[in-house]
Protein backbone atom coordinates (compact mmCIF):
# COMPACT_ATOMS: atom_id res chain seq x y z
CA UNK A 1 88.93 145.17 71.50
CA UNK A 2 91.18 142.25 72.42
CA UNK A 3 89.58 140.07 69.75
CA UNK A 4 90.33 142.73 67.15
CA UNK A 5 93.88 143.02 68.43
CA UNK A 6 94.35 139.25 68.24
CA UNK A 7 92.80 139.16 64.76
CA UNK A 8 95.12 141.86 63.43
CA UNK A 9 98.24 140.38 65.02
CA UNK A 10 97.48 136.78 64.04
CA UNK A 11 95.99 137.57 60.61
CA UNK A 12 92.99 135.43 61.50
CA UNK A 13 89.46 136.58 60.62
CA UNK A 14 87.81 138.39 63.49
CA UNK A 15 84.50 136.77 62.52
CA UNK A 16 86.03 133.30 62.89
CA UNK A 17 87.45 134.19 66.31
CA UNK A 18 84.13 135.63 67.51
CA UNK A 19 82.11 132.63 66.28
CA UNK A 20 84.67 130.04 67.38
CA UNK A 21 84.95 128.75 63.81
CA UNK A 22 88.72 128.36 63.84
CA UNK A 23 90.64 126.09 61.53
CA UNK A 24 93.46 123.81 62.60
CA UNK A 25 96.07 126.30 61.39
CA UNK A 26 94.44 129.23 63.19
CA UNK A 27 95.16 128.14 66.76
CA UNK A 28 98.98 128.35 66.55
CA UNK A 29 98.67 131.82 65.00
CA UNK A 30 96.41 133.04 67.81
CA UNK A 31 98.63 131.56 70.52
CA UNK A 32 101.69 133.22 68.99
CA UNK A 33 99.82 136.53 68.63
CA UNK A 34 98.68 136.41 72.26
CA UNK A 35 102.26 135.77 73.35
CA UNK A 36 103.52 138.78 71.38
CA UNK A 37 100.78 141.03 72.78
CA UNK A 38 101.49 139.84 76.34
CA UNK A 39 105.17 140.75 75.97
CA UNK A 40 104.35 144.32 75.01
CA UNK A 41 103.63 147.07 77.51
CA UNK A 42 100.41 146.49 79.49
CA UNK A 43 97.15 147.72 77.99
CA UNK A 44 94.56 149.18 80.37
CA UNK A 45 90.96 149.23 79.13
CA UNK A 46 88.42 151.21 81.17
CA UNK A 47 84.83 150.77 80.00
CA UNK A 48 83.22 153.03 82.60
CA UNK A 49 80.16 154.50 80.83
CA UNK A 50 79.91 158.29 80.50
CA UNK A 51 83.20 158.82 82.32
CA UNK A 52 83.82 162.40 83.34
CA UNK A 53 86.99 164.20 82.33
CA UNK A 54 87.84 164.60 86.03
CA UNK A 55 87.57 160.82 86.57
CA UNK A 56 89.75 160.16 83.56
CA UNK A 57 92.42 162.60 84.71
CA UNK A 58 92.51 161.00 88.18
CA UNK A 59 92.79 157.48 86.75
CA UNK A 60 95.45 158.50 84.24
CA UNK A 61 97.52 160.13 86.98
CA UNK A 62 97.28 157.02 89.18
CA UNK A 63 98.24 154.63 86.38
CA UNK A 64 101.06 156.91 85.30
CA UNK A 65 102.51 156.86 88.81
CA UNK A 66 102.41 153.04 88.89
CA UNK A 67 103.70 152.43 85.36
CA UNK A 68 104.49 155.39 83.07
CA UNK A 69 101.92 155.52 80.28
CA UNK A 70 103.02 155.62 76.64
CA UNK A 71 99.67 156.49 75.05
CA UNK A 72 96.10 157.38 76.03
CA UNK A 73 93.20 156.72 73.64
CA UNK A 74 89.67 158.05 74.16
CA UNK A 75 86.88 156.26 72.26
CA UNK A 76 85.18 158.62 71.78
CA UNK A 77 85.20 162.23 72.95
CA UNK A 78 81.44 162.85 72.75
CA UNK A 79 80.77 159.96 75.18
CA UNK A 80 82.62 161.74 77.97
CA UNK A 81 81.16 164.16 80.51
CA UNK A 82 82.45 167.54 81.52
CA UNK A 83 81.51 169.62 84.55
CA UNK A 84 78.79 171.37 82.53
CA UNK A 85 75.65 169.19 82.40
CA UNK A 86 73.12 171.24 80.42
CA UNK A 87 71.90 170.17 77.00
CA UNK A 88 71.87 173.74 75.73
CA UNK A 89 75.54 174.12 76.69
CA UNK A 90 76.76 170.91 75.08
CA UNK A 91 79.17 172.77 72.80
CA UNK A 92 80.81 174.38 75.83
CA UNK A 93 81.02 170.98 77.53
CA UNK A 94 82.81 169.47 74.53
CA UNK A 95 85.17 172.44 74.49
CA UNK A 96 85.95 171.84 78.16
CA UNK A 97 86.67 168.14 77.53
CA UNK A 98 88.85 168.92 74.52
CA UNK A 99 90.92 171.44 76.48
CA UNK A 100 91.23 169.03 79.42
CA UNK A 101 92.55 166.23 77.19
CA UNK A 102 95.24 168.56 75.89
CA UNK A 103 96.09 169.52 79.48
CA UNK A 104 96.43 165.84 80.44
CA UNK A 105 98.79 165.26 77.51
CA UNK A 106 100.98 168.14 78.63
CA UNK A 107 100.89 167.26 82.33
CA UNK A 108 101.87 163.60 81.83
CA UNK A 109 103.97 164.14 78.68
CA UNK A 110 101.91 161.41 77.02
CA UNK A 111 100.27 161.59 73.58
CA UNK A 112 96.47 161.52 73.76
CA UNK A 113 94.46 160.26 70.78
CA UNK A 114 90.76 161.06 70.90
CA UNK A 115 88.22 159.71 68.45
CA UNK A 116 85.38 162.04 67.54
CA UNK A 117 82.00 161.81 65.87
CA UNK A 118 81.31 163.73 62.67
CA UNK A 119 78.26 165.80 61.80
CA UNK A 120 75.60 164.06 59.74
CA UNK A 121 75.95 166.73 57.05
CA UNK A 122 78.81 164.77 55.53
CA UNK A 123 76.31 162.09 54.46
CA UNK A 124 74.29 164.59 52.41
CA UNK A 125 77.28 165.98 50.50
CA UNK A 126 78.30 164.76 47.08
CA UNK A 127 81.94 164.61 48.18
CA UNK A 128 81.98 162.40 51.27
CA UNK A 129 85.61 163.12 52.19
CA UNK A 130 85.50 164.46 55.78
CA UNK A 131 86.87 167.90 56.60
CA UNK A 132 87.62 169.63 59.90
CA UNK A 133 84.31 171.52 59.81
CA UNK A 134 82.58 168.13 60.13
CA UNK A 135 83.88 167.56 63.67
CA UNK A 136 80.78 167.34 65.80
CA UNK A 137 79.60 169.85 68.40
CA UNK A 138 82.66 172.03 68.80
CA UNK A 139 85.20 174.06 66.86
CA UNK A 140 87.51 173.78 69.85
CA UNK A 141 88.51 170.26 68.79
CA UNK A 142 89.99 171.75 65.64
CA UNK A 143 91.68 174.46 67.70
CA UNK A 144 93.11 172.25 70.47
CA UNK A 145 94.37 169.30 68.42
CA UNK A 146 97.96 169.20 67.21
CA UNK A 147 97.14 166.55 64.63
CA UNK A 148 93.77 165.78 63.03
CA UNK A 149 93.37 162.73 60.81
CA UNK A 150 90.34 161.28 59.03
CA UNK A 151 89.90 157.87 57.43
CA UNK A 152 87.93 157.67 54.18
CA UNK A 153 87.07 154.48 52.28
CA UNK A 154 85.45 155.12 48.91
CA UNK A 155 83.98 151.61 48.69
CA UNK A 156 81.68 152.44 51.64
CA UNK A 157 79.82 154.95 49.45
CA UNK A 158 80.64 153.69 45.95
CA UNK A 159 80.41 149.89 45.65
CA UNK A 160 81.77 150.00 42.08
CA UNK A 161 84.87 152.03 42.94
CA UNK A 162 88.20 150.79 41.59
CA UNK A 163 89.69 151.56 45.01
CA UNK A 164 88.35 148.49 46.80
CA UNK A 165 90.47 147.60 49.79
CA UNK A 166 91.99 151.10 49.85
CA UNK A 167 91.66 153.61 52.68
CA UNK A 168 92.71 157.24 52.60
CA UNK A 169 94.35 158.64 55.72
CA UNK A 170 93.64 162.35 55.46
CA UNK A 171 96.01 164.48 57.54
CA UNK A 172 93.83 167.60 57.78
CA UNK A 173 95.90 169.37 60.42
CA UNK A 174 99.52 168.89 61.44
CA UNK A 175 100.84 171.60 63.69
CA UNK A 176 104.48 170.61 63.19
CA UNK A 177 104.51 169.12 59.71
CA UNK A 178 102.86 168.65 56.33
CA UNK A 179 99.21 167.91 55.63
CA UNK A 180 97.87 165.76 52.83
CA UNK A 181 96.61 162.25 52.15
CA UNK A 182 98.23 158.83 52.42
CA UNK A 183 96.65 155.78 50.81
CA UNK A 184 96.66 152.57 52.83
CA UNK A 185 95.57 148.99 52.25
CA UNK A 186 92.62 147.98 54.45
CA UNK A 187 91.89 144.35 55.28
CA UNK A 188 88.39 144.30 56.82
CA UNK A 189 88.57 140.67 57.91
CA UNK A 190 91.41 141.63 60.27
CA UNK A 191 90.38 145.29 60.84
CA UNK A 192 93.92 146.05 59.74
CA UNK A 193 95.55 148.94 57.88
CA UNK A 194 98.85 148.34 56.10
CA UNK A 195 101.20 150.16 53.74
CA UNK A 196 100.06 150.29 50.13
CA UNK A 197 102.35 150.16 47.12
CA UNK A 198 102.97 153.74 45.98
CA UNK A 199 100.76 155.19 43.25
CA UNK A 200 102.92 157.63 41.25
CA UNK A 201 99.85 159.51 40.02
CA UNK A 202 98.64 160.32 43.53
CA UNK A 203 99.64 163.47 45.41
CA UNK A 204 100.02 162.04 48.89
CA UNK A 205 101.51 164.96 50.82
CA UNK A 206 101.53 168.10 48.72
CA UNK A 207 104.35 169.80 50.61
CA UNK A 208 106.67 166.84 50.15
CA UNK A 209 105.75 165.70 46.65
CA UNK A 210 108.67 165.78 44.24
CA UNK A 211 106.95 166.90 41.04
CA UNK A 212 109.92 165.88 38.91
CA UNK A 213 109.65 162.24 39.92
CA UNK A 214 106.11 161.92 41.25
CA UNK A 215 107.44 160.53 44.51
CA UNK A 216 107.35 161.66 48.11
CA UNK A 217 110.40 162.71 50.05
CA UNK A 218 111.28 160.45 52.96
CA UNK A 219 111.21 163.42 55.33
CA UNK A 220 107.48 163.87 54.93
CA UNK A 221 106.70 160.33 56.07
CA UNK A 222 109.31 160.45 58.85
CA UNK A 223 107.84 163.64 60.32
CA UNK A 224 104.30 162.29 60.14
CA UNK A 225 105.32 158.98 61.72
CA UNK A 226 107.23 160.69 64.53
CA UNK A 227 104.27 162.88 65.46
CA UNK A 228 101.82 159.97 65.44
CA UNK A 229 103.91 157.77 67.76
């Protein structure tokens, strides 16, 4: 994770960092990136395997008392354990974890981002764009989440696509704002997403698209950005 963070901040290939194949100009970039990262708020990484939701809540509370947390990220939800430990009740277990994550967010007043697996059925469809029904093992994820986003890259499935280097951020659910799709530039060598020059023929966020100009109102992006921070 730290190598990816350094790669994105320094704009140095993650492969080069991992293999130690750095050029003379790469070292100053990495040193500067490390300095910037170190000056930011501390990042706590807990790699405890199969952590239970009760363990996570206890650790989050302790850290929050020491230094108020700004964000909690779970990678990923299906790797966690609930209090239900029966294979035939896995859906209920995921529902319990999903509800508990929402409770933690409310208790600590901290946004919680949880990654989730998708069902394999998406691979067998002609249209590979993910939808909320693809969320694996529980409909409660769709119910509990305030904001659900998917990332789709057409070049993963269609090597000849004209959209190479483009990722679609699909806002499938937004409890307090618009839904729709935003196109981003993706730089795989840095594992980095960046703003993409606007495509006037693309309906990014339907609710905020100005059909007379083909552009998006600033309010749509502001609301989305505020809710994702």
